[in-house]
Amino acid sequence: MDRKKTASGPRFNALHVVEAELEHLDWATRQPALRMLDAGYWRRRVMAVKCGFELTEQQLVRLEKILMRLGHPKE
């Protein structure tokens, strides 16, 4: 079977991986900010999950809540 890859690479459906990552991100983004792990770092981690996996509607809602907690990126 020959699968075409999209420009952004393959997307995976691994429910247990996504759930574990969401639990960690939810916990980590509620902790006091560390100098090395600022909101920008966590925002990149959240976006990596969003871009790398096929998410359910519920998972997308959880990701959006985490992103809202992190605030808007400073550009």
PDB file of N, CA and C in Angstrom:
ATOM      1  N   MET A   1       0.829  -1.174   0.000  1.00  0.00           N
ATOM      2  CA  MET A   1       0.000   0.000   0.000  1.00  0.00           C
ATOM      3  C   MET A   1       0.878   1.244   0.000  1.00  0.00           C
ATOM      4  N   ASP A   2       0.635   2.135  -0.907  1.00  0.00           N
ATOM      5  CA  ASP A   2       1.423   3.356  -1.006  1.00  0.00           C
ATOM      6  C   ASP A   2       0.597   4.519  -0.482  1.00  0.00           C
ATOM      7  N   ARG A   3       1.018   5.071   0.628  1.00  0.00           N
ATOM      8  CA  ARG A   3       0.305   6.209   1.220  1.00  0.00           C
ATOM      9  C   ARG A   3       1.006   7.492   0.851  1.00  0.00           C
ATOM     10  N   LYS A   4       0.221   8.471   0.462  1.00  0.00           N
ATOM     11  CA  LYS A   4       0.787   9.789   0.170  1.00  0.00           C
ATOM     12  C   LYS A   4       0.969  10.539   1.475  1.00  0.00           C
ATOM     13  N   LYS A   5       2.073  11.211   1.613  1.00  0.00           N
ATOM     14  CA  LYS A   5       2.319  12.037   2.794  1.00  0.00           C
ATOM     15  C   LYS A   5       1.951  13.470   2.455  1.00  0.00           C
ATOM     16  N   THR A   6       1.323  14.139   3.399  1.00  0.00           N
ATOM     17  CA  THR A   6       1.004  15.541   3.204  1.00  0.00           C
ATOM     18  C   THR A   6       2.262  16.369   3.418  1.00  0.00           C
ATOM     19  N   ALA A   7       2.177  17.624   3.074  1.00  0.00           N
ATOM     20  CA  ALA A   7       3.336  18.511   3.220  1.00  0.00           C
ATOM     21  C   ALA A   7       3.796  18.603   4.665  1.00  0.00           C
ATOM     22  N   SER A   8       2.864  18.484   5.604  1.00  0.00           N
ATOM     23  CA  SER A   8       3.229  18.599   7.015  1.00  0.00           C
ATOM     24  C   SER A   8       3.630  17.256   7.618  1.00  0.00           C
ATOM     25  N   GLY A   9       3.575  16.200   6.841  1.00  0.00           N
ATOM     26  CA  GLY A   9       3.947  14.886   7.341  1.00  0.00           C
ATOM     27  C   GLY A   9       2.726  14.088   7.725  1.00  0.00           C
ATOM     28  N   PRO A  10       2.920  12.843   8.089  1.00  0.00           N
ATOM     29  CA  PRO A  10       1.777  11.996   8.431  1.00  0.00           C
ATOM     30  C   PRO A  10       1.157  12.387   9.765  1.00  0.00           C
ATOM     31  N   ARG A  11      -0.140  12.173   9.892  1.00  0.00           N
ATOM     32  CA  ARG A  11      -0.841  12.405  11.149  1.00  0.00           C
ATOM     33  C   ARG A  11      -1.253  11.053  11.690  1.00  0.00           C
ATOM     34  N   PHE A  12      -1.110  10.869  12.977  1.00  0.00           N
ATOM     35  CA  PHE A  12      -1.382   9.588  13.592  1.00  0.00           C
ATOM     36  C   PHE A  12      -2.611   9.659  14.483  1.00  0.00           C
ATOM     37  N   ASN A  13      -3.278   8.530  14.623  1.00  0.00           N
ATOM     38  CA  ASN A  13      -4.410   8.420  15.528  1.00  0.00           C
ATOM     39  C   ASN A  13      -3.998   7.445  16.627  1.00  0.00           C
ATOM     40  N   ALA A  14      -3.473   7.965  17.695  1.00  0.00           N
ATOM     41  CA  ALA A  14      -3.022   7.153  18.825  1.00  0.00           C
ATOM     42  C   ALA A  14      -3.653   7.729  20.079  1.00  0.00           C
ATOM     43  N   LEU A  15      -4.850   7.286  20.363  1.00  0.00           N
ATOM     44  CA  LEU A  15      -5.639   7.850  21.444  1.00  0.00           C
ATOM     45  C   LEU A  15      -4.895   7.861  22.773  1.00  0.00           C
ATOM     46  N   HIS A  16      -4.230   6.770  23.114  1.00  0.00           N
ATOM     47  CA  HIS A  16      -3.544   6.701  24.407  1.00  0.00           C
ATOM     48  C   HIS A  16      -2.384   7.686  24.484  1.00  0.00           C
ATOM     49  N   VAL A  17      -1.699   7.908  23.375  1.00  0.00           N
ATOM     50  CA  VAL A  17      -0.585   8.864  23.354  1.00  0.00           C
ATOM     51  C   VAL A  17      -1.115  10.279  23.520  1.00  0.00           C
ATOM     52  N   VAL A  18      -2.168  10.603  22.788  1.00  0.00           N
ATOM     53  CA  VAL A  18      -2.753  11.940  22.862  1.00  0.00           C
ATOM     54  C   VAL A  18      -3.290  12.212  24.254  1.00  0.00           C
ATOM     55  N   GLU A  19      -3.997  11.247  24.837  1.00  0.00           N
ATOM     56  CA  GLU A  19      -4.551  11.435  26.178  1.00  0.00           C
ATOM     57  C   GLU A  19      -3.443  11.659  27.209  1.00  0.00           C
ATOM     58  N   ALA A  20      -2.376  10.889  27.119  1.00  0.00           N
ATOM     59  CA  ALA A  20      -1.260  11.064  28.055  1.00  0.00           C
ATOM     60  C   ALA A  20      -0.623  12.439  27.876  1.00  0.00           C
ATOM     61  N   GLU A  21      -0.455  12.854  26.643  1.00  0.00           N
ATOM     62  CA  GLU A  21       0.147  14.163  26.361  1.00  0.00           C
ATOM     63  C   GLU A  21      -0.767  15.290  26.856  1.00  0.00           C
ATOM     64  N   LEU A  22      -2.069  15.163  26.631  1.00  0.00           N
ATOM     65  CA  LEU A  22      -3.008  16.183  27.103  1.00  0.00           C
ATOM     66  C   LEU A  22      -3.022  16.272  28.626  1.00  0.00           C
ATOM     67  N   GLU A  23      -2.989  15.137  29.300  1.00  0.00           N
ATOM     68  CA  GLU A  23      -2.941  15.150  30.766  1.00  0.00           C
ATOM     69  C   GLU A  23      -1.687  15.860  31.253  1.00  0.00           C
ATOM     70  N   HIS A  24      -0.562  15.556  30.637  1.00  0.00           N
ATOM     71  CA  HIS A  24       0.696  16.197  31.039  1.00  0.00           C
ATOM     72  C   HIS A  24       0.652  17.697  30.765  1.00  0.00           C
ATOM     73  N   LEU A  25       0.206  18.082  29.566  1.00  0.00           N
ATOM     74  CA  LEU A  25       0.155  19.501  29.227  1.00  0.00           C
ATOM     75  C   LEU A  25      -0.817  20.253  30.129  1.00  0.00           C
ATOM     76  N   ASP A  26      -1.938  19.639  30.447  1.00  0.00           N
ATOM     77  CA  ASP A  26      -2.905  20.283  31.333  1.00  0.00           C
ATOM     78  C   ASP A  26      -2.283  20.517  32.705  1.00  0.00           C
ATOM     79  N   TRP A  27      -1.615  19.502  33.240  1.00  0.00           N
ATOM     80  CA  TRP A  27      -0.964  19.631  34.543  1.00  0.00           C
ATOM     81  C   TRP A  27       0.169  20.663  34.481  1.00  0.00           C
ATOM     82  N   ALA A  28       1.027  20.528  33.478  1.00  0.00           N
ATOM     83  CA  ALA A  28       2.224  21.370  33.401  1.00  0.00           C
ATOM     84  C   ALA A  28       1.892  22.843  33.222  1.00  0.00           C
ATOM     85  N   THR A  29       0.845  23.130  32.462  1.00  0.00           N
ATOM     86  CA  THR A  29       0.511  24.539  32.229  1.00  0.00           C
ATOM     87  C   THR A  29      -0.187  25.178  33.417  1.00  0.00           C
ATOM     88  N   ARG A  30      -0.526  24.403  34.418  1.00  0.00           N
ATOM     89  CA  ARG A  30      -1.106  24.957  35.652  1.00  0.00           C
ATOM     90  C   ARG A  30      -0.028  25.238  36.703  1.00  0.00           C
ATOM     91  N   GLN A  31       1.204  24.797  36.446  1.00  0.00           N
ATOM     92  CA  GLN A  31       2.292  24.996  37.398  1.00  0.00           C
ATOM     93  C   GLN A  31       2.876  26.399  37.230  1.00  0.00           C
ATOM     94  N   PRO A  32       3.528  26.913  38.261  1.00  0.00           N
ATOM     95  CA  PRO A  32       4.189  28.218  38.115  1.00  0.00           C
ATOM     96  C   PRO A  32       5.228  28.158  36.996  1.00  0.00           C
ATOM     97  N   ALA A  33       5.314  29.225  36.230  1.00  0.00           N
ATOM     98  CA  ALA A  33       6.240  29.270  35.089  1.00  0.00           C
ATOM     99  C   ALA A  33       7.692  29.227  35.566  1.00  0.00           C
ATOM    100  N   LEU A  34       8.471  28.439  34.897  1.00  0.00           N
ATOM    101  CA  LEU A  34       9.902  28.388  35.146  1.00  0.00           C
ATOM    102  C   LEU A  34      10.598  29.205  34.070  1.00  0.00           C
ATOM    103  N   ARG A  35      11.787  29.660  34.361  1.00  0.00           N
ATOM    104  CA  ARG A  35      12.523  30.480  33.404  1.00  0.00           C
ATOM    105  C   ARG A  35      12.714  29.743  32.070  1.00  0.00           C
ATOM    106  N   MET A  36      13.034  28.446  32.134  1.00  0.00           N
ATOM    107  CA  MET A  36      13.299  27.675  30.915  1.00  0.00           C
ATOM    108  C   MET A  36      12.007  27.216  30.230  1.00  0.00           C
ATOM    109  N   LEU A  37      10.942  27.049  30.984  1.00  0.00           N
ATOM    110  CA  LEU A  37       9.701  26.513  30.436  1.00  0.00           C
ATOM    111  C   LEU A  37       8.602  27.565  30.503  1.00  0.00           C
ATOM    112  N   ASP A  38       8.670  28.527  29.616  1.00  0.00           N
ATOM    113  CA  ASP A  38       7.700  29.615  29.612  1.00  0.00           C
ATOM    114  C   ASP A  38       6.476  29.253  28.769  1.00  0.00           C
ATOM    115  N   ALA A  39       5.538  30.173  28.661  1.00  0.00           N
ATOM    116  CA  ALA A  39       4.300  29.931  27.916  1.00  0.00           C
ATOM    117  C   ALA A  39       4.583  29.604  26.453  1.00  0.00           C
ATOM    118  N   GLY A  40       5.599  30.208  25.880  1.00  0.00           N
ATOM    119  CA  GLY A  40       5.950  29.924  24.486  1.00  0.00           C
ATOM    120  C   GLY A  40       6.349  28.474  24.277  1.00  0.00           C
ATOM    121  N   TYR A  41       7.104  27.940  25.228  1.00  0.00           N
ATOM    122  CA  TYR A  41       7.500  26.528  25.159  1.00  0.00           C
ATOM    123  C   TYR A  41       6.269  25.641  25.194  1.00  0.00           C
ATOM    124  N   TRP A  42       5.371  25.868  26.140  1.00  0.00           N
ATOM    125  CA  TRP A  42       4.182  25.029  26.274  1.00  0.00           C
ATOM    126  C   TRP A  42       3.255  25.195  25.092  1.00  0.00           C
ATOM    127  N   ARG A  43       3.169  26.404  24.544  1.00  0.00           N
ATOM    128  CA  ARG A  43       2.350  26.637  23.357  1.00  0.00           C
ATOM    129  C   ARG A  43       2.872  25.801  22.190  1.00  0.00           C
ATOM    130  N   ARG A  44       4.191  25.735  22.030  1.00  0.00           N
ATOM    131  CA  ARG A  44       4.779  24.920  20.961  1.00  0.00           C
ATOM    132  C   ARG A  44       4.469  23.441  21.173  1.00  0.00           C
ATOM    133  N   ARG A  45       4.530  22.981  22.422  1.00  0.00           N
ATOM    134  CA  ARG A  45       4.206  21.577  22.724  1.00  0.00           C
ATOM    135  C   ARG A  45       2.756  21.269  22.380  1.00  0.00           C
ATOM    136  N   VAL A  46       1.846  22.195  22.744  1.00  0.00           N
ATOM    137  CA  VAL A  46       0.427  21.994  22.448  1.00  0.00           C
ATOM    138  C   VAL A  46       0.211  21.947  20.935  1.00  0.00           C
ATOM    139  N   MET A  47       0.824  22.857  20.214  1.00  0.00           N
ATOM    140  CA  MET A  47       0.649  22.897  18.763  1.00  0.00           C
ATOM    141  C   MET A  47       1.244  21.658  18.094  1.00  0.00           C
ATOM    142  N   ALA A  48       2.303  21.102  18.654  1.00  0.00           N
ATOM    143  CA  ALA A  48       2.879  19.876  18.106  1.00  0.00           C
ATOM    144  C   ALA A  48       1.885  18.728  18.209  1.00  0.00           C
ATOM    145  N   VAL A  49       1.165  18.652  19.311  1.00  0.00           N
ATOM    146  CA  VAL A  49       0.135  17.616  19.470  1.00  0.00           C
ATOM    147  C   VAL A  49      -0.994  17.878  18.473  1.00  0.00           C
ATOM    148  N   LYS A  50      -1.408  19.129  18.368  1.00  0.00           N
ATOM    149  CA  LYS A  50      -2.517  19.482  17.488  1.00  0.00           C
ATOM    150  C   LYS A  50      -2.189  19.168  16.031  1.00  0.00           C
ATOM    151  N   CYS A  51      -0.951  19.393  15.624  1.00  0.00           N
ATOM    152  CA  CYS A  51      -0.549  19.163  14.235  1.00  0.00           C
ATOM    153  C   CYS A  51      -0.151  17.720  13.956  1.00  0.00           C
ATOM    154  N   GLY A  52       0.259  16.991  14.967  1.00  0.00           N
ATOM    155  CA  GLY A  52       0.794  15.662  14.748  1.00  0.00           C
ATOM    156  C   GLY A  52      -0.189  14.522  14.878  1.00  0.00           C
ATOM    157  N   PHE A  53      -1.375  14.798  15.398  1.00  0.00           N
ATOM    158  CA  PHE A  53      -2.340  13.735  15.636  1.00  0.00           C
ATOM    159  C   PHE A  53      -3.720  14.131  15.134  1.00  0.00           C
ATOM    160  N   GLU A  54      -4.502  13.139  14.762  1.00  0.00           N
ATOM    161  CA  GLU A  54      -5.901  13.371  14.450  1.00  0.00           C
ATOM    162  C   GLU A  54      -6.631  13.386  15.787  1.00  0.00           C
ATOM    163  N   LEU A  55      -7.249  14.495  16.109  1.00  0.00           N
ATOM    164  CA  LEU A  55      -7.863  14.670  17.419  1.00  0.00           C
ATOM    165  C   LEU A  55      -9.376  14.597  17.345  1.00  0.00           C
ATOM    166  N   THR A  56      -9.965  14.121  18.424  1.00  0.00           N
ATOM    167  CA  THR A  56     -11.419  14.135  18.538  1.00  0.00           C
ATOM    168  C   THR A  56     -11.859  15.554  18.888  1.00  0.00           C
ATOM    169  N   GLU A  57     -13.149  15.804  18.775  1.00  0.00           N
ATOM    170  CA  GLU A  57     -13.679  17.130  19.138  1.00  0.00           C
ATOM    171  C   GLU A  57     -13.388  17.454  20.595  1.00  0.00           C
ATOM    172  N   GLN A  58     -13.536  16.467  21.471  1.00  0.00           N
ATOM    173  CA  GLN A  58     -13.280  16.671  22.896  1.00  0.00           C
ATOM    174  C   GLN A  58     -11.803  17.025  23.130  1.00  0.00           C
ATOM    175  N   GLN A  59     -10.909  16.359  22.432  1.00  0.00           N
ATOM    176  CA  GLN A  59      -9.484  16.652  22.580  1.00  0.00           C
ATOM    177  C   GLN A  59      -9.165  18.042  22.059  1.00  0.00           C
ATOM    178  N   LEU A  60      -9.793  18.452  20.978  1.00  0.00           N
ATOM    179  CA  LEU A  60      -9.583  19.809  20.457  1.00  0.00           C
ATOM    180  C   LEU A  60     -10.039  20.857  21.460  1.00  0.00           C
ATOM    181  N   VAL A  61     -11.160  20.600  22.129  1.00  0.00           N
ATOM    182  CA  VAL A  61     -11.657  21.528  23.146  1.00  0.00           C
ATOM    183  C   VAL A  61     -10.650  21.625  24.289  1.00  0.00           C
ATOM    184  N   ARG A  62     -10.113  20.489  24.725  1.00  0.00           N
ATOM    185  CA  ARG A  62      -9.110  20.494  25.804  1.00  0.00           C
ATOM    186  C   ARG A  62      -7.872  21.284  25.389  1.00  0.00           C
ATOM    187  N   LEU A  63      -7.430  21.098  24.135  1.00  0.00           N
ATOM    188  CA  LEU A  63      -6.261  21.842  23.653  1.00  0.00           C
ATOM    189  C   LEU A  63      -6.540  23.338  23.614  1.00  0.00           C
ATOM    190  N   GLU A  64      -7.715  23.711  23.164  1.00  0.00           N
ATOM    191  CA  GLU A  64      -8.056  25.136  23.112  1.00  0.00           C
ATOM    192  C   GLU A  64      -8.088  25.751  24.505  1.00  0.00           C
ATOM    193  N   LYS A  65      -8.575  25.014  25.492  1.00  0.00           N
ATOM    194  CA  LYS A  65      -8.584  25.512  26.869  1.00  0.00           C
ATOM    195  C   LYS A  65      -7.160  25.723  27.378  1.00  0.00           C
ATOM    196  N   ILE A  66      -6.269  24.794  27.051  1.00  0.00           N
ATOM    197  CA  ILE A  66      -4.866  24.937  27.461  1.00  0.00           C
ATOM    198  C   ILE A  66      -4.263  26.159  26.788  1.00  0.00           C
ATOM    199  N   LEU A  67      -4.525  26.329  25.493  1.00  0.00           N
ATOM    200  CA  LEU A  67      -3.989  27.495  24.782  1.00  0.00           C
ATOM    201  C   LEU A  67      -4.523  28.794  25.360  1.00  0.00           C
ATOM    202  N   MET A  68      -5.806  28.824  25.741  1.00  0.00           N
ATOM    203  CA  MET A  68      -6.371  30.038  26.356  1.00  0.00           C
ATOM    204  C   MET A  68      -5.688  30.325  27.682  1.00  0.00           C
ATOM    205  N   ARG A  69      -5.382  29.280  28.460  1.00  0.00           N
ATOM    206  CA  ARG A  69      -4.695  29.454  29.728  1.00  0.00           C
ATOM    207  C   ARG A  69      -3.310  30.067  29.521  1.00  0.00           C
ATOM    208  N   LEU A  70      -2.668  29.686  28.417  1.00  0.00           N
ATOM    209  CA  LEU A  70      -1.317  30.189  28.129  1.00  0.00           C
ATOM    210  C   LEU A  70      -1.341  31.623  27.604  1.00  0.00           C
ATOM    211  N   GLY A  71      -2.474  32.076  27.136  1.00  0.00           N
ATOM    212  CA  GLY A  71      -2.575  33.435  26.624  1.00  0.00           C
ATOM    213  C   GLY A  71      -2.120  33.530  25.184  1.00  0.00           C
ATOM    214  N   HIS A  72      -2.186  34.712  24.647  1.00  0.00           N
ATOM    215  CA  HIS A  72      -1.802  34.953  23.266  1.00  0.00           C
ATOM    216  C   HIS A  72      -0.295  35.049  23.159  1.00  0.00           C
ATOM    217  N   PRO A  73       0.263  34.544  22.046  1.00  0.00           N
ATOM    218  CA  PRO A  73       1.718  34.643  21.879  1.00  0.00           C
ATOM    219  C   PRO A  73       2.160  36.097  21.736  1.00  0.00           C
ATOM    220  N   LYS A  74       3.326  36.377  22.271  1.00  0.00           N
ATOM    221  CA  LYS A  74       3.894  37.742  22.141  1.00  0.00           C
ATOM    222  C   LYS A  74       4.701  37.774  20.858  1.00  0.00           C
ATOM    223  N   GLU A  75       4.270  38.616  19.913  1.00  0.00           N
ATOM    224  CA  GLU A  75       4.955  38.697  18.641  1.00  0.00           C
ATOM    225  C   GLU A  75       5.507  40.059  18.418  1.00  0.00           C
TER     226      GLU A  75
END
